[in-house]
C-alpha atoms as a PDB file:
ATOM      1  CA  UNK A   1      99.025  85.227 102.041  1.00  0.00           C
ATOM      2  CA  UNK A   2      96.073  86.354 100.812  1.00  0.00           C
ATOM      3  CA  UNK A   3      97.418  85.701  96.852  1.00  0.00           C
ATOM      4  CA  UNK A   4      98.503  81.912  98.060  1.00  0.00           C
ATOM      5  CA  UNK A   5      94.666  81.527  98.782  1.00  0.00           C
ATOM      6  CA  UNK A   6      92.923  82.528  95.666  1.00  0.00           C
ATOM      7  CA  UNK A   7      95.669  81.544  93.697  1.00  0.00           C
ATOM      8  CA  UNK A   8      94.154  77.552  95.234  1.00  0.00           C
ATOM      9  CA  UNK A   9      90.271  78.470  94.392  1.00  0.00           C
ATOM     10  CA  UNK A  10      90.738  79.379  91.584  1.00  0.00           C
ATOM     11  CA  UNK A  11      92.654  75.906  90.621  1.00  0.00           C
ATOM     12  CA  UNK A  12      90.698  74.546  92.761  1.00  0.00           C
ATOM     13  CA  UNK A  13      86.893  75.936  91.083  1.00  0.00           C
ATOM     14  CA  UNK A  14      88.272  75.172  87.798  1.00  0.00           C
ATOM     15  CA  UNK A  15      88.104  71.218  87.785  1.00  0.00           C
ATOM     16  CA  UNK A  16      84.766  71.814  89.981  1.00  0.00           C
ATOM     17  CA  UNK A  17      83.158  73.593  87.186  1.00  0.00           C
ATOM     18  CA  UNK A  18      84.324  71.241  84.529  1.00  0.00           C
ATOM     19  CA  UNK A  19      83.028  68.447  86.670  1.00  0.00           C
ATOM     20  CA  UNK A  20      79.312  70.349  87.112  1.00  0.00           C
ATOM     21  CA  UNK A  21      78.497  71.187  84.102  1.00  0.00           C
ATOM     22  CA  UNK A  22      79.167  67.491  82.583  1.00  0.00           C
ATOM     23  CA  UNK A  23      77.094  66.535  84.602  1.00  0.00           C
ATOM     24  CA  UNK A  24      73.012  66.051  84.320  1.00  0.00           C
ATOM     25  CA  UNK A  25      72.450  69.260  86.203  1.00  0.00           C
ATOM     26  CA  UNK A  26      74.826  71.434  83.518  1.00  0.00           C
ATOM     27  CA  UNK A  27      73.087  69.515  80.893  1.00  0.00           C
ATOM     28  CA  UNK A  28      70.024  70.432  82.163  1.00  0.00           C
ATOM     29  CA  UNK A  29      70.668  74.545  82.939  1.00  0.00           C
ATOM     30  CA  UNK A  30      72.103  74.037  79.656  1.00  0.00           C
ATOM     31  CA  UNK A  31      68.796  72.835  77.523  1.00  0.00           C
ATOM     32  CA  UNK A  32      67.035  75.542  79.258  1.00  0.00           C
ATOM     33  CA  UNK A  33      69.834  78.516  77.899  1.00  0.00           C
ATOM     34  CA  UNK A  34      69.051  76.627  74.802  1.00  0.00           C
ATOM     35  CA  UNK A  35      65.918  77.627  75.035  1.00  0.00           C
ATOM     36  CA  UNK A  36      63.866  74.446  75.268  1.00  0.00           C
ATOM     37  CA  UNK A  37      61.596  73.677  77.754  1.00  0.00           C
ATOM     38  CA  UNK A  38      62.867  72.458  81.022  1.00  0.00           C
ATOM     39  CA  UNK A  39      61.692  68.666  81.634  1.00  0.00           C
ATOM     40  CA  UNK A  40      61.130  68.489  77.915  1.00  0.00           C
ATOM     41  CA  UNK A  41      63.834  67.478  76.418  1.00  0.00           C
ATOM     42  CA  UNK A  42      62.728  67.402  73.129  1.00  0.00           C
ATOM     43  CA  UNK A  43      64.061  68.737  69.849  1.00  0.00           C
ATOM     44  CA  UNK A  44      62.412  71.073  66.709  1.00  0.00           C
ATOM     45  CA  UNK A  45      63.091  66.909  65.452  1.00  0.00           C
ATOM     46  CA  UNK A  46      61.746  65.026  67.029  1.00  0.00           C
ATOM     47  CA  UNK A  47      58.307  67.074  66.970  1.00  0.00           C
ATOM     48  CA  UNK A  48      58.679  67.247  63.900  1.00  0.00           C
ATOM     49  CA  UNK A  49      58.738  63.700  63.430  1.00  0.00           C
ATOM     50  CA  UNK A  50      55.668  63.437  65.654  1.00  0.00           C
ATOM     51  CA  UNK A  51      53.516  64.982  63.940  1.00  0.00           C
ATOM     52  CA  UNK A  52      54.682  63.827  60.444  1.00  0.00           C
ATOM     53  CA  UNK A  53      53.781  60.616  62.085  1.00  0.00           C
ATOM     54  CA  UNK A  54      49.848  61.960  63.412  1.00  0.00           C
ATOM     55  CA  UNK A  55      49.990  63.126  59.524  1.00  0.00           C
ATOM     56  CA  UNK A  56      51.096  59.608  58.347  1.00  0.00           C
ATOM     57  CA  UNK A  57      48.840  57.897  60.611  1.00  0.00           C
ATOM     58  CA  UNK A  58      45.446  59.536  59.411  1.00  0.00           C
ATOM     59  CA  UNK A  59      45.596  59.050  56.219  1.00  0.00           C
ATOM     60  CA  UNK A  60      46.347  55.327  56.709  1.00  0.00           C
ATOM     61  CA  UNK A  61      42.307  55.691  58.657  1.00  0.00           C
ATOM     62  CA  UNK A  62      41.371  57.448  55.815  1.00  0.00           C
ATOM     63  CA  UNK A  63      42.815  54.758  53.494  1.00  0.00           C
ATOM     64  CA  UNK A  64      41.098  51.253  55.809  1.00  0.00           C
ATOM     65  CA  UNK A  65      37.729  52.479  55.482  1.00  0.00           C
ATOM     66  CA  UNK A  66      37.762  53.300  52.006  1.00  0.00           C
ATOM     67  CA  UNK A  67      39.277  49.896  51.587  1.00  0.00           C
ATOM     68  CA  UNK A  68      36.092  48.842  53.503  1.00  0.00           C
ATOM     69  CA  UNK A  69      34.012  50.891  51.901  1.00  0.00           C
ATOM     70  CA  UNK A  70      35.593  49.079  48.380  1.00  0.00           C
ATOM     71  CA  UNK A  71      35.542  45.439  49.131  1.00  0.00           C
ATOM     72  CA  UNK A  72      31.543  45.891  50.274  1.00  0.00           C
ATOM     73  CA  UNK A  73      30.931  47.429  47.005  1.00  0.00           C
ATOM     74  CA  UNK A  74      32.857  44.036  46.299  1.00  0.00           C
ATOM     75  CA  UNK A  75      30.832  41.731  47.608  1.00  0.00           C
ATOM     76  CA  UNK A  76      28.084  43.726  46.072  1.00  0.00           C
ATOM     77  CA  UNK A  77      29.003  43.398  42.379  1.00  0.00           C
ATOM     78  CA  UNK A  78      30.630  39.415  43.221  1.00  0.00           C
ATOM     79  CA  UNK A  79      26.493  38.078  44.014  1.00  0.00           C
ATOM     80  CA  UNK A  80      25.187  40.415  41.300  1.00  0.00           C
ATOM     81  CA  UNK A  81      26.964  38.879  38.665  1.00  0.00           C
ATOM     82  CA  UNK A  82      26.589  35.486  40.512  1.00  0.00           C
ATOM     83  CA  UNK A  83      23.127  35.109  40.409  1.00  0.00           C
ATOM     84  CA  UNK A  84      21.734  38.333  38.415  1.00  0.00           C
ATOM     85  CA  UNK A  85      18.236  37.908  38.850  1.00  0.00           C
ATOM     86  CA  UNK A  86      18.177  38.010  42.389  1.00  0.00           C
ATOM     87  CA  UNK A  87      16.914  40.393  44.174  1.00  0.00           C
ATOM     88  CA  UNK A  88      19.488  42.203  46.555  1.00  0.00           C
ATOM     89  CA  UNK A  89      19.233  41.784  49.901  1.00  0.00           C
ATOM     90  CA  UNK A  90      17.884  45.560  50.343  1.00  0.00           C
ATOM     91  CA  UNK A  91      14.597  45.271  48.079  1.00  0.00           C
END
């Protein structure tokens, strides 16, 4: 009789275990076992892409500042070419 109960419990535990492992709870436990931070959900590839985007945004800001400076210099040179005898505003 006890053998039948043990076999029945083991047989029922197989599908229950499969259902739990495929659930969000099972996936969370798997991520934790793999070493990811709990609740993070981001992989190393995503973190690397985020870092690269930050670097690109910084470079873009630097380029925008350089373009603004060049635009001011171009306007100054254009004013000088239009009327070379006219004194610059600051003098």
